[in-house]
Amino acid sequence: MKKIRWQMVMEDGPVSEPCSGAADVAAYLLRNGHADRDREAFIVLLMNVKNRIMAEEVVSVGILDGSLIHPREVFKAAIAGSAASIIIAHNHPSGDPSPSAADREVTDRLRKAGAILGIPVVDHVIVSPEGAFFSFRESTEWR
């Protein structure tokens, strides 16, 4: 039998303003270099009870037009970091932030997992290198 040792290290960073909507999330992603990556990167933002970003984790970096996402990786840091909620986000290197069928499926799956874990998914934001963005929560797709 092997023992597992997993350690989470939270490094100090700038204090973030509360996220009042997807525009704040998109601006954060642009500021931190996530929007203009050459491949899709799936990012999880850990939120505290005051809706401030406590930490971020790049869960997956994929190919030009996709990445592999599994709930266990998405919620691992959220559980360890005692996040009150999460915002999931990724970039579309193509410049078009419109969600794909796979984006819709992942969003639904992660929202269901978050409900079971008691860590709600507040939004899923897709951002383009130019700063255009799509918010599932602010769209008619958030039910």
Protein backbone atom coordinates (compact mmCIF):
# COMPACT_ATOMS: atom_id res chain seq x y z
CA MET A 1 0.00 0.00 0.00
CA LYS A 2 1.21 3.51 -0.78
CA LYS A 3 0.56 6.65 1.17
CA ILE A 4 -0.67 9.75 -0.59
CA ARG A 5 0.65 13.12 0.42
CA TRP A 6 -0.96 16.09 -1.24
CA GLN A 7 -0.02 19.60 -0.25
CA MET A 8 -1.70 22.79 -1.35
CA VAL A 9 0.40 25.93 -1.30
CA MET A 10 -1.39 29.27 -1.53
CA GLU A 11 0.96 32.06 -2.44
CA ASP A 12 0.24 35.68 -1.60
CA GLY A 13 -1.06 37.80 -4.42
CA PRO A 14 -2.89 41.04 -4.87
CA VAL A 15 -6.18 41.47 -3.04
CA SER A 16 -8.96 41.14 -5.56
CA GLU A 17 -12.09 43.20 -5.82
CA PRO A 18 -15.42 41.40 -5.49
CA CYS A 19 -16.58 39.87 -8.77
CA SER A 20 -19.89 41.46 -9.57
CA GLY A 21 -20.28 39.87 -12.98
CA ALA A 22 -18.69 38.20 -15.97
CA ALA A 23 -17.04 41.44 -17.12
CA ASP A 24 -14.97 41.41 -13.92
CA VAL A 25 -13.97 37.79 -14.54
CA ALA A 26 -13.06 38.50 -18.17
CA ALA A 27 -10.96 41.50 -17.10
CA TYR A 28 -9.19 39.32 -14.50
CA LEU A 29 -8.42 36.67 -17.13
CA LEU A 30 -7.07 39.30 -19.53
CA ARG A 31 -4.94 40.93 -16.83
CA ASN A 32 -3.43 37.61 -15.82
CA GLY A 33 -2.55 36.39 -19.31
CA HIS A 34 -5.15 33.64 -19.61
CA ALA A 35 -7.14 35.14 -22.50
CA ASP A 36 -4.38 35.24 -25.08
CA ARG A 37 -2.93 31.75 -24.66
CA ASP A 38 -2.35 29.85 -27.91
CA ARG A 39 -4.21 26.78 -26.58
CA GLU A 40 -7.33 26.40 -24.50
CA ALA A 41 -6.64 26.67 -20.78
CA PHE A 42 -9.30 25.75 -18.25
CA ILE A 43 -9.07 27.86 -15.10
CA VAL A 44 -10.87 27.50 -11.78
CA LEU A 45 -11.25 30.60 -9.63
CA LEU A 46 -11.78 29.81 -5.95
CA MET A 47 -14.18 32.29 -4.39
CA ASN A 48 -14.66 33.24 -0.75
CA VAL A 49 -17.98 34.13 0.89
CA LYS A 50 -17.56 37.79 -0.12
CA ASN A 51 -17.30 36.75 -3.78
CA ARG A 52 -13.61 37.64 -4.00
CA ILE A 53 -11.09 35.48 -5.81
CA MET A 54 -9.01 33.67 -3.18
CA ALA A 55 -6.93 31.63 -5.60
CA GLU A 56 -6.79 30.35 -9.15
CA GLU A 57 -5.76 27.06 -10.61
CA VAL A 58 -5.08 26.14 -14.22
CA VAL A 59 -6.65 22.70 -14.32
CA SER A 60 -5.96 21.80 -17.92
CA VAL A 61 -4.15 23.11 -20.96
CA GLY A 62 -5.39 21.45 -24.07
CA ILE A 63 -5.02 21.58 -27.78
CA LEU A 64 -5.92 24.51 -30.02
CA ASP A 65 -9.68 23.90 -29.77
CA GLY A 66 -10.28 21.85 -26.64
CA SER A 67 -9.09 20.50 -23.33
CA LEU A 68 -9.90 17.59 -21.05
CA ILE A 69 -11.90 18.45 -17.95
CA HIS A 70 -12.99 16.16 -15.14
CA PRO A 71 -14.89 17.20 -11.99
CA ARG A 72 -12.33 15.62 -9.68
CA GLU A 73 -9.58 17.97 -10.92
CA VAL A 74 -11.86 21.00 -10.98
CA PHE A 75 -13.04 20.59 -7.38
CA LYS A 76 -9.80 19.26 -5.84
CA ALA A 77 -8.36 22.71 -5.05
CA ALA A 78 -11.81 24.09 -4.14
CA ILE A 79 -12.24 21.42 -1.47
CA ALA A 80 -8.69 21.74 -0.14
CA GLY A 81 -8.89 25.54 -0.17
CA SER A 82 -12.31 25.69 1.50
CA ALA A 83 -13.81 27.69 -1.35
CA ALA A 84 -17.36 28.94 -0.84
CA SER A 85 -17.96 28.71 -4.59
CA ILE A 86 -16.05 28.57 -7.86
CA ILE A 87 -16.06 30.29 -11.21
CA ILE A 88 -14.86 28.20 -14.11
CA ALA A 89 -13.37 29.85 -17.15
CA HIS A 90 -11.44 29.14 -20.29
CA ASN A 91 -10.17 30.91 -23.36
CA HIS A 92 -11.01 30.42 -27.02
CA PRO A 93 -7.85 31.11 -29.04
CA SER A 94 -10.00 31.41 -32.18
CA GLY A 95 -11.29 34.75 -30.94
CA ASP A 96 -14.94 33.66 -30.87
CA PRO A 97 -16.13 33.24 -27.27
CA SER A 98 -19.34 31.45 -28.29
CA PRO A 99 -19.73 28.17 -26.38
CA SER A 100 -19.43 24.83 -28.15
CA ALA A 101 -21.61 21.81 -27.46
CA ALA A 102 -18.73 20.41 -25.37
CA ASP A 103 -18.60 23.66 -23.35
CA ARG A 104 -22.31 23.35 -22.60
CA GLU A 105 -21.92 19.71 -21.56
CA VAL A 106 -18.96 20.43 -19.26
CA THR A 107 -20.79 23.34 -17.66
CA ASP A 108 -23.85 21.21 -16.91
CA ARG A 109 -21.73 18.37 -15.54
CA LEU A 110 -19.66 20.63 -13.28
CA ARG A 111 -22.74 22.46 -11.98
CA LYS A 112 -24.26 19.10 -10.99
CA ALA A 113 -21.02 18.03 -9.29
CA GLY A 114 -20.80 21.36 -7.46
CA ALA A 115 -24.36 20.97 -6.20
CA ILE A 116 -23.52 17.56 -4.78
CA LEU A 117 -20.33 18.85 -3.12
CA GLY A 118 -21.92 22.03 -1.78
CA ILE A 119 -19.55 24.21 -3.81
CA PRO A 120 -21.70 26.03 -6.36
CA VAL A 121 -20.40 26.93 -9.79
CA VAL A 122 -21.24 30.65 -9.94
CA ASP A 123 -20.49 31.07 -13.66
CA HIS A 124 -18.59 29.71 -16.62
CA VAL A 125 -16.89 32.50 -18.57
CA ILE A 126 -15.29 32.04 -21.98
CA VAL A 127 -12.91 34.79 -23.07
CA SER A 128 -11.22 35.64 -26.35
CA PRO A 129 -7.76 37.18 -26.84
CA GLU A 130 -9.45 40.47 -27.80
CA GLY A 131 -11.39 40.59 -24.53
CA ALA A 132 -14.79 39.55 -25.86
CA PHE A 133 -16.47 37.10 -23.51
CA PHE A 134 -19.45 34.83 -23.03
CA SER A 135 -21.05 34.19 -19.65
CA PHE A 136 -23.27 31.18 -19.13
CA ARG A 137 -24.83 32.83 -16.09
CA GLU A 138 -25.68 36.03 -17.96
CA SER A 139 -27.06 34.12 -20.92
CA THR A 140 -30.33 32.28 -21.36
CA GLU A 141 -28.39 28.99 -21.03
CA TRP A 142 -28.14 29.26 -17.22
CA ARG A 143 -31.14 27.42 -15.79
